[in-house]
Amino acid sequence: MSGPERYRWLTRGKAYKYSAAVGKGLDERRSQTCRVLILPKPGRRPANALVRFEDGTRHIVSTWSLRPVKGQP
Protein backbone atom coordinates (compact mmCIF):
# COMPACT_ATOMS: atom_id res chain seq x y z
CA MET A 1 0.00 0.00 0.00
CA SER A 2 1.17 3.49 -0.69
CA GLY A 3 0.87 6.46 1.60
CA PRO A 4 2.40 7.47 4.90
CA GLU A 5 3.51 4.93 7.52
CA ARG A 6 2.68 7.24 10.42
CA TYR A 7 0.16 9.99 11.15
CA ARG A 8 0.56 11.66 14.55
CA TRP A 9 0.28 8.78 17.07
CA LEU A 10 -1.04 6.23 14.54
CA THR A 11 1.08 3.69 12.67
CA ARG A 12 -0.15 1.73 9.67
CA GLY A 13 -0.68 -1.96 10.48
CA LYS A 14 -0.92 -1.56 14.26
CA ALA A 15 -4.02 -2.34 16.33
CA TYR A 16 -6.13 0.39 17.94
CA LYS A 17 -9.37 0.49 19.91
CA TYR A 18 -12.27 2.28 18.24
CA SER A 19 -13.72 4.70 20.80
CA ALA A 20 -16.04 7.23 19.20
CA ALA A 21 -18.34 9.27 21.43
CA VAL A 22 -21.87 7.97 22.08
CA GLY A 23 -24.10 8.86 19.15
CA LYS A 24 -21.12 9.57 16.89
CA GLY A 25 -19.71 7.11 14.39
CA LEU A 26 -20.33 3.38 14.59
CA ASP A 27 -22.05 2.72 17.93
CA GLU A 28 -22.06 -1.06 17.38
CA ARG A 29 -18.25 -1.03 16.92
CA ARG A 30 -17.37 0.94 20.05
CA SER A 31 -14.51 -0.64 22.08
CA GLN A 32 -13.67 -3.11 19.31
CA THR A 33 -10.11 -3.57 18.09
CA CYS A 34 -9.19 -2.63 14.53
CA ARG A 35 -6.04 -2.32 12.40
CA VAL A 36 -5.15 0.78 10.40
CA LEU A 37 -4.87 0.07 6.67
CA ILE A 38 -4.54 3.56 5.18
CA LEU A 39 -3.61 6.79 6.96
CA PRO A 40 -4.31 10.37 5.82
CA LYS A 41 -1.61 12.60 4.39
CA PRO A 42 0.00 14.96 6.94
CA GLY A 43 -1.96 18.18 7.42
CA ARG A 44 -5.17 16.72 5.97
CA ARG A 45 -8.41 17.90 7.61
CA PRO A 46 -10.65 16.13 8.42
CA ALA A 47 -8.27 13.28 9.13
CA ASN A 48 -9.88 9.92 8.36
CA ALA A 49 -8.29 6.48 8.22
CA LEU A 50 -9.36 3.21 6.62
CA VAL A 51 -9.46 0.47 9.27
CA ARG A 52 -10.27 -3.26 9.30
CA PHE A 53 -12.08 -4.71 12.32
CA GLU A 54 -11.37 -8.23 13.59
CA ASP A 55 -14.32 -9.68 11.65
CA GLY A 56 -12.85 -8.35 8.38
CA THR A 57 -15.23 -5.41 7.95
CA ARG A 58 -13.60 -2.21 6.67
CA HIS A 59 -14.71 1.31 7.61
CA ILE A 60 -13.44 4.85 7.23
CA VAL A 61 -13.23 6.42 10.68
CA SER A 62 -11.91 9.62 12.23
CA THR A 63 -8.33 9.32 13.47
CA TRP A 64 -9.43 10.98 16.72
CA SER A 65 -11.64 7.97 17.52
CA LEU A 66 -8.68 5.54 17.57
CA ARG A 67 -6.87 4.85 20.85
CA PRO A 68 -3.77 2.70 21.45
CA VAL A 69 -4.36 -0.85 22.71
CA LYS A 70 -2.84 -1.32 26.17
CA GLY A 71 0.07 -3.73 26.32
CA GLN A 72 1.08 -3.19 22.70
CA PRO A 73 4.55 -1.68 22.06
PDB file of N, CA and C in Angstrom:
ATOM      1  N   MET A   1       0.836  -1.181   0.000  1.00  0.00           N
ATOM      2  CA  MET A   1       0.000   0.000   0.000  1.00  0.00           C
ATOM      3  C   MET A   1       0.878   1.241   0.000  1.00  0.00           C
ATOM      4  N   SER A   2       0.420   2.238  -0.685  1.00  0.00           N
ATOM      5  CA  SER A   2       1.170   3.486  -0.690  1.00  0.00           C
ATOM      6  C   SER A   2       0.617   4.419   0.373  1.00  0.00           C
ATOM      7  N   GLY A   3       1.319   5.503   0.597  1.00  0.00           N
ATOM      8  CA  GLY A   3       0.874   6.461   1.603  1.00  0.00           C
ATOM      9  C   GLY A   3       1.793   6.458   2.798  1.00  0.00           C
ATOM     10  N   PRO A   4       1.518   7.339   3.741  1.00  0.00           N
ATOM     11  CA  PRO A   4       2.397   7.473   4.903  1.00  0.00           C
ATOM     12  C   PRO A   4       2.332   6.263   5.833  1.00  0.00           C
ATOM     13  N   GLU A   5       3.440   6.010   6.525  1.00  0.00           N
ATOM     14  CA  GLU A   5       3.509   4.930   7.516  1.00  0.00           C
ATOM     15  C   GLU A   5       2.963   5.389   8.862  1.00  0.00           C
ATOM     16  N   ARG A   6       3.122   6.705   9.144  1.00  0.00           N
ATOM     17  CA  ARG A   6       2.676   7.242  10.424  1.00  0.00           C
ATOM     18  C   ARG A   6       1.878   8.517  10.209  1.00  0.00           C
ATOM     19  N   TYR A   7       0.917   8.745  11.100  1.00  0.00           N
ATOM     20  CA  TYR A   7       0.164   9.994  11.150  1.00  0.00           C
ATOM     21  C   TYR A   7      -0.066  10.298  12.617  1.00  0.00           C
ATOM     22  N   ARG A   8       0.595  11.311  13.127  1.00  0.00           N
ATOM     23  CA  ARG A   8       0.555  11.657  14.550  1.00  0.00           C
ATOM     24  C   ARG A   8       0.902  10.439  15.390  1.00  0.00           C
ATOM     25  N   TRP A   9      -0.004   9.924  16.208  1.00  0.00           N
ATOM     26  CA  TRP A   9       0.281   8.781  17.075  1.00  0.00           C
ATOM     27  C   TRP A   9      -0.056   7.443  16.419  1.00  0.00           C
ATOM     28  N   LEU A  10      -0.613   7.460  15.212  1.00  0.00           N
ATOM     29  CA  LEU A  10      -1.039   6.230  14.543  1.00  0.00           C
ATOM     30  C   LEU A  10       0.054   5.682  13.629  1.00  0.00           C
ATOM     31  N   THR A  11       0.145   4.367  13.565  1.00  0.00           N
ATOM     32  CA  THR A  11       1.079   3.694  12.671  1.00  0.00           C
ATOM     33  C   THR A  11       0.302   2.678  11.851  1.00  0.00           C
ATOM     34  N   ARG A  12       0.553   2.672  10.545  1.00  0.00           N
ATOM     35  CA  ARG A  12      -0.148   1.730   9.666  1.00  0.00           C
ATOM     36  C   ARG A  12       0.182   0.293  10.069  1.00  0.00           C
ATOM     37  N   GLY A  13      -0.846  -0.554  10.145  1.00  0.00           N
ATOM     38  CA  GLY A  13      -0.678  -1.958  10.476  1.00  0.00           C
ATOM     39  C   GLY A  13      -0.832  -2.294  11.950  1.00  0.00           C
ATOM     40  N   LYS A  14      -0.781  -1.299  12.828  1.00  0.00           N
ATOM     41  CA  LYS A  14      -0.924  -1.558  14.262  1.00  0.00           C
ATOM     42  C   LYS A  14      -2.395  -1.585  14.666  1.00  0.00           C
ATOM     43  N   ALA A  15      -2.653  -2.213  15.823  1.00  0.00           N
ATOM     44  CA  ALA A  15      -4.015  -2.342  16.334  1.00  0.00           C
ATOM     45  C   ALA A  15      -4.365  -1.162  17.232  1.00  0.00           C
ATOM     46  N   TYR A  16      -5.611  -0.704  17.122  1.00  0.00           N
ATOM     47  CA  TYR A  16      -6.130   0.392  17.937  1.00  0.00           C
ATOM     48  C   TYR A  16      -7.548   0.052  18.357  1.00  0.00           C
ATOM     49  N   LYS A  17      -7.999   0.678  19.436  1.00  0.00           N
ATOM     50  CA  LYS A  17      -9.367   0.488  19.912  1.00  0.00           C
ATOM     51  C   LYS A  17     -10.220   1.626  19.371  1.00  0.00           C
ATOM     52  N   TYR A  18     -11.347   1.277  18.759  1.00  0.00           N
ATOM     53  CA  TYR A  18     -12.271   2.280  18.237  1.00  0.00           C
ATOM     54  C   TYR A  18     -13.092   2.814  19.397  1.00  0.00           C
ATOM     55  N   SER A  19     -13.048   4.127  19.624  1.00  0.00           N
ATOM     56  CA  SER A  19     -13.722   4.696  20.798  1.00  0.00           C
ATOM     57  C   SER A  19     -14.387   6.027  20.476  1.00  0.00           C
ATOM     58  N   ALA A  20     -15.302   6.013  19.533  1.00  0.00           N
ATOM     59  CA  ALA A  20     -16.039   7.234  19.197  1.00  0.00           C
ATOM     60  C   ALA A  20     -17.027   7.570  20.315  1.00  0.00           C
ATOM     61  N   ALA A  21     -17.386   8.835  20.414  1.00  0.00           N
ATOM     62  CA  ALA A  21     -18.343   9.274  21.426  1.00  0.00           C
ATOM     63  C   ALA A  21     -19.718   8.659  21.157  1.00  0.00           C
ATOM     64  N   VAL A  22     -20.520   8.527  22.208  1.00  0.00           N
ATOM     65  CA  VAL A  22     -21.867   7.971  22.083  1.00  0.00           C
ATOM     66  C   VAL A  22     -22.670   8.820  21.100  1.00  0.00           C
ATOM     67  N   GLY A  23     -23.303   8.160  20.149  1.00  0.00           N
ATOM     68  CA  GLY A  23     -24.096   8.859  19.145  1.00  0.00           C
ATOM     69  C   GLY A  23     -23.290   9.331  17.952  1.00  0.00           C
ATOM     70  N   LYS A  24     -21.983   9.170  18.000  1.00  0.00           N
ATOM     71  CA  LYS A  24     -21.115   9.566  16.892  1.00  0.00           C
ATOM     72  C   LYS A  24     -20.473   8.317  16.306  1.00  0.00           C
ATOM     73  N   GLY A  25     -20.401   8.238  15.017  1.00  0.00           N
ATOM     74  CA  GLY A  25     -19.711   7.115  14.388  1.00  0.00           C
ATOM     75  C   GLY A  25     -20.493   5.821  14.458  1.00  0.00           C
ATOM     76  N   LEU A  26     -19.770   4.730  14.621  1.00  0.00           N
ATOM     77  CA  LEU A  26     -20.330   3.381  14.591  1.00  0.00           C
ATOM     78  C   LEU A  26     -20.560   2.883  16.018  1.00  0.00           C
ATOM     79  N   ASP A  27     -21.762   3.108  16.542  1.00  0.00           N
ATOM     80  CA  ASP A  27     -22.047   2.720  17.929  1.00  0.00           C
ATOM     81  C   ASP A  27     -21.829   1.230  18.170  1.00  0.00           C
ATOM     82  N   GLU A  28     -22.180   0.386  17.202  1.00  0.00           N
ATOM     83  CA  GLU A  28     -22.057  -1.057  17.385  1.00  0.00           C
ATOM     84  C   GLU A  28     -20.601  -1.524  17.398  1.00  0.00           C
ATOM     85  N   ARG A  29     -19.677  -0.679  16.968  1.00  0.00           N
ATOM     86  CA  ARG A  29     -18.251  -1.030  16.916  1.00  0.00           C
ATOM     87  C   ARG A  29     -17.450  -0.476  18.087  1.00  0.00           C
ATOM     88  N   ARG A  30     -18.081   0.305  18.951  1.00  0.00           N
ATOM     89  CA  ARG A  30     -17.369   0.942  20.054  1.00  0.00           C
ATOM     90  C   ARG A  30     -16.633  -0.094  20.893  1.00  0.00           C
ATOM     91  N   SER A  31     -15.393   0.195  21.257  1.00  0.00           N
ATOM     92  CA  SER A  31     -14.510  -0.643  22.082  1.00  0.00           C
ATOM     93  C   SER A  31     -13.985  -1.873  21.361  1.00  0.00           C
ATOM     94  N   GLN A  32     -14.217  -1.990  20.070  1.00  0.00           N
ATOM     95  CA  GLN A  32     -13.668  -3.108  19.310  1.00  0.00           C
ATOM     96  C   GLN A  32     -12.280  -2.749  18.790  1.00  0.00           C
ATOM     97  N   THR A  33     -11.459  -3.766  18.599  1.00  0.00           N
ATOM     98  CA  THR A  33     -10.110  -3.571  18.090  1.00  0.00           C
ATOM     99  C   THR A  33     -10.125  -3.578  16.569  1.00  0.00           C
ATOM    100  N   CYS A  34      -9.311  -2.689  15.988  1.00  0.00           N
ATOM    101  CA  CYS A  34      -9.189  -2.626  14.533  1.00  0.00           C
ATOM    102  C   CYS A  34      -7.741  -2.343  14.166  1.00  0.00           C
ATOM    103  N   ARG A  35      -7.384  -2.605  12.915  1.00  0.00           N
ATOM    104  CA  ARG A  35      -6.040  -2.322  12.400  1.00  0.00           C
ATOM    105  C   ARG A  35      -6.132  -1.244  11.340  1.00  0.00           C
ATOM    106  N   VAL A  36      -5.177  -0.320  11.368  1.00  0.00           N
ATOM    107  CA  VAL A  36      -5.145   0.776  10.399  1.00  0.00           C
ATOM    108  C   VAL A  36      -4.576   0.259   9.081  1.00  0.00           C
ATOM    109  N   LEU A  37      -5.324   0.468   7.996  1.00  0.00           N
ATOM    110  CA  LEU A  37      -4.874   0.069   6.666  1.00  0.00           C
ATOM    111  C   LEU A  37      -4.295   1.244   5.891  1.00  0.00           C
ATOM    112  N   ILE A  38      -4.988   2.368   5.903  1.00  0.00           N
ATOM    113  CA  ILE A  38      -4.541   3.557   5.175  1.00  0.00           C
ATOM    114  C   ILE A  38      -4.689   4.774   6.082  1.00  0.00           C
ATOM    115  N   LEU A  39      -3.626   5.571   6.151  1.00  0.00           N
ATOM    116  CA  LEU A  39      -3.611   6.794   6.956  1.00  0.00           C
ATOM    117  C   LEU A  39      -3.748   8.014   6.062  1.00  0.00           C
ATOM    118  N   PRO A  40      -4.219   9.131   6.613  1.00  0.00           N
ATOM    119  CA  PRO A  40      -4.313  10.365   5.818  1.00  0.00           C
ATOM    120  C   PRO A  40      -2.936  10.980   5.599  1.00  0.00           C
ATOM    121  N   LYS A  41      -2.854  11.862   4.620  1.00  0.00           N
ATOM    122  CA  LYS A  41      -1.613  12.604   4.394  1.00  0.00           C
ATOM    123  C   LYS A  41      -1.451  13.628   5.512  1.00  0.00           C
ATOM    124  N   PRO A  42      -0.212  13.956   5.890  1.00  0.00           N
ATOM    125  CA  PRO A  42       0.005  14.959   6.944  1.00  0.00           C
ATOM    126  C   PRO A  42      -0.666  16.284   6.606  1.00  0.00           C
ATOM    127  N   GLY A  43      -1.296  16.891   7.601  1.00  0.00           N
ATOM    128  CA  GLY A  43      -1.958  18.176   7.424  1.00  0.00           C
ATOM    129  C   GLY A  43      -3.362  18.090   6.876  1.00  0.00           C
ATOM    130  N   ARG A  44      -3.834  16.906   6.554  1.00  0.00           N
ATOM    131  CA  ARG A  44      -5.165  16.720   5.971  1.00  0.00           C
ATOM    132  C   ARG A  44      -6.232  16.929   7.033  1.00  0.00           C
ATOM    133  N   ARG A  45      -7.277  17.681   6.715  1.00  0.00           N
ATOM    134  CA  ARG A  45      -8.411  17.897   7.613  1.00  0.00           C
ATOM    135  C   ARG A  45      -9.688  17.711   6.825  1.00  0.00           C
ATOM    136  N   PRO A  46     -10.679  16.986   7.241  1.00  0.00           N
ATOM    137  CA  PRO A  46     -10.649  16.135   8.420  1.00  0.00           C
ATOM    138  C   PRO A  46      -9.743  14.935   8.181  1.00  0.00           C
ATOM    139  N   ALA A  47      -9.203  14.392   9.233  1.00  0.00           N
ATOM    140  CA  ALA A  47      -8.266  13.277   9.129  1.00  0.00           C
ATOM    141  C   ALA A  47      -9.016  11.968   9.356  1.00  0.00           C
ATOM    142  N   ASN A  48      -9.197  11.211   8.283  1.00  0.00           N
ATOM    143  CA  ASN A  48      -9.876   9.923   8.360  1.00  0.00           C
ATOM    144  C   ASN A  48      -8.915   8.814   7.961  1.00  0.00           C
ATOM    145  N   ALA A  49      -9.130   7.631   8.521  1.00  0.00           N
ATOM    146  CA  ALA A  49      -8.293   6.478   8.223  1.00  0.00           C
ATOM    147  C   ALA A  49      -9.184   5.300   7.837  1.00  0.00           C
ATOM    148  N   LEU A  50      -8.669   4.448   6.965  1.00  0.00           N
ATOM    149  CA  LEU A  50      -9.358   3.207   6.622  1.00  0.00           C
ATOM    150  C   LEU A  50      -8.875   2.146   7.593  1.00  0.00           C
ATOM    151  N   VAL A  51      -9.809   1.498   8.290  1.00  0.00           N
ATOM    152  CA  VAL A  51      -9.460   0.466   9.267  1.00  0.00           C
ATOM    153  C   VAL A  51     -10.193  -0.830   8.941  1.00  0.00           C
ATOM    154  N   ARG A  52      -9.629  -1.948   9.437  1.00  0.00           N
ATOM    155  CA  ARG A  52     -10.273  -3.260   9.299  1.00  0.00           C
ATOM    156  C   ARG A  52     -10.490  -3.812  10.698  1.00  0.00           C
ATOM    157  N   PHE A  53     -11.749  -4.127  11.018  1.00  0.00           N
ATOM    158  CA  PHE A  53     -12.076  -4.706  12.317  1.00  0.00           C
ATOM    159  C   PHE A  53     -11.754  -6.194  12.299  1.00  0.00           C
ATOM    160  N   GLU A  54     -11.771  -6.826  13.462  1.00  0.00           N
ATOM    161  CA  GLU A  54     -11.371  -8.225  13.591  1.00  0.00           C
ATOM    162  C   GLU A  54     -12.213  -9.175  12.753  1.00  0.00           C
ATOM    163  N   ASP A  55     -13.464  -8.815  12.466  1.00  0.00           N
ATOM    164  CA  ASP A  55     -14.323  -9.683  11.652  1.00  0.00           C
ATOM    165  C   ASP A  55     -14.115  -9.468  10.153  1.00  0.00           C
ATOM    166  N   GLY A  56     -13.175  -8.590   9.782  1.00  0.00           N
ATOM    167  CA  GLY A  56     -12.854  -8.354   8.379  1.00  0.00           C
ATOM    168  C   GLY A  56     -13.560  -7.168   7.751  1.00  0.00           C
ATOM    169  N   THR A  57     -14.500  -6.561   8.460  1.00  0.00           N
ATOM    170  CA  THR A  57     -15.232  -5.409   7.950  1.00  0.00           C
ATOM    171  C   THR A  57     -14.319  -4.197   7.909  1.00  0.00           C
ATOM    172  N   ARG A  58     -14.408  -3.424   6.819  1.00  0.00           N
ATOM    173  CA  ARG A  58     -13.602  -2.214   6.673  1.00  0.00           C
ATOM    174  C   ARG A  58     -14.492  -0.986   6.788  1.00  0.00           C
ATOM    175  N   HIS A  59     -13.983   0.047   7.453  1.00  0.00           N
ATOM    176  CA  HIS A  59     -14.708   1.309   7.608  1.00  0.00           C
ATOM    177  C   HIS A  59     -13.725   2.463   7.552  1.00  0.00           C
ATOM    178  N   ILE A  60     -14.216   3.616   7.146  1.00  0.00           N
ATOM    179  CA  ILE A  60     -13.444   4.849   7.225  1.00  0.00           C
ATOM    180  C   ILE A  60     -13.885   5.547   8.503  1.00  0.00           C
ATOM    181  N   VAL A  61     -12.922   5.811   9.383  1.00  0.00           N
ATOM    182  CA  VAL A  61     -13.228   6.419  10.680  1.00  0.00           C
ATOM    183  C   VAL A  61     -12.315   7.616  10.925  1.00  0.00           C
ATOM    184  N   SER A  62     -12.721   8.479  11.833  1.00  0.00           N
ATOM    185  CA  SER A  62     -11.906   9.617  12.232  1.00  0.00           C
ATOM    186  C   SER A  62     -10.684   9.126  13.007  1.00  0.00           C
ATOM    187  N   THR A  63      -9.535   9.718  12.738  1.00  0.00           N
ATOM    188  CA  THR A  63      -8.332   9.316  13.472  1.00  0.00           C
ATOM    189  C   THR A  63      -8.457   9.628  14.957  1.00  0.00           C
ATOM    190  N   TRP A  64      -9.264  10.608  15.311  1.00  0.00           N
ATOM    191  CA  TRP A  64      -9.435  10.982  16.717  1.00  0.00           C
ATOM    192  C   TRP A  64     -10.225   9.939  17.501  1.00  0.00           C
ATOM    193  N   SER A  65     -10.873   9.000  16.822  1.00  0.00           N
ATOM    194  CA  SER A  65     -11.642   7.970  17.517  1.00  0.00           C
ATOM    195  C   SER A  65     -10.823   6.702  17.752  1.00  0.00           C
ATOM    196  N   LEU A  66      -9.537   6.711  17.403  1.00  0.00           N
ATOM    197  CA  LEU A  66      -8.678   5.539  17.571  1.00  0.00           C
ATOM    198  C   LEU A  66      -7.726   5.744  18.742  1.00  0.00           C
ATOM    199  N   ARG A  67      -7.728   4.785  19.662  1.00  0.00           N
ATOM    200  CA  ARG A  67      -6.874   4.851  20.851  1.00  0.00           C
ATOM    201  C   ARG A  67      -5.927   3.650  20.867  1.00  0.00           C
ATOM    202  N   PRO A  68      -4.709   3.821  21.389  1.00  0.00           N
ATOM    203  CA  PRO A  68      -3.771   2.697  21.454  1.00  0.00           C
ATOM    204  C   PRO A  68      -4.316   1.558  22.312  1.00  0.00           C
ATOM    205  N   VAL A  69      -3.982   0.330  21.929  1.00  0.00           N
ATOM    206  CA  VAL A  69      -4.361  -0.847  22.706  1.00  0.00           C
ATOM    207  C   VAL A  69      -3.324  -1.011  23.806  1.00  0.00           C
ATOM    208  N   LYS A  70      -3.769  -1.167  25.046  1.00  0.00           N
ATOM    209  CA  LYS A  70      -2.844  -1.316  26.171  1.00  0.00           C
ATOM    210  C   LYS A  70      -2.060  -2.616  26.035  1.00  0.00           C
ATOM    211  N   GLY A  71      -0.776  -2.549  26.372  1.00  0.00           N
ATOM    212  CA  GLY A  71       0.075  -3.730  26.316  1.00  0.00           C
ATOM    213  C   GLY A  71       0.742  -3.934  24.974  1.00  0.00           C
ATOM    214  N   GLN A  72       0.459  -3.079  24.015  1.00  0.00           N
ATOM    215  CA  GLN A  72       1.082  -3.189  22.695  1.00  0.00           C
ATOM    216  C   GLN A  72       2.228  -2.188  22.621  1.00  0.00           C
ATOM    217  N   PRO A  73       3.402  -2.608  22.127  1.00  0.00           N
ATOM    218  CA  PRO A  73       4.547  -1.684  22.061  1.00  0.00           C
ATOM    219  C   PRO A  73       4.332  -0.536  21.110  1.00  0.00           C
TER     220      PRO A  73
END
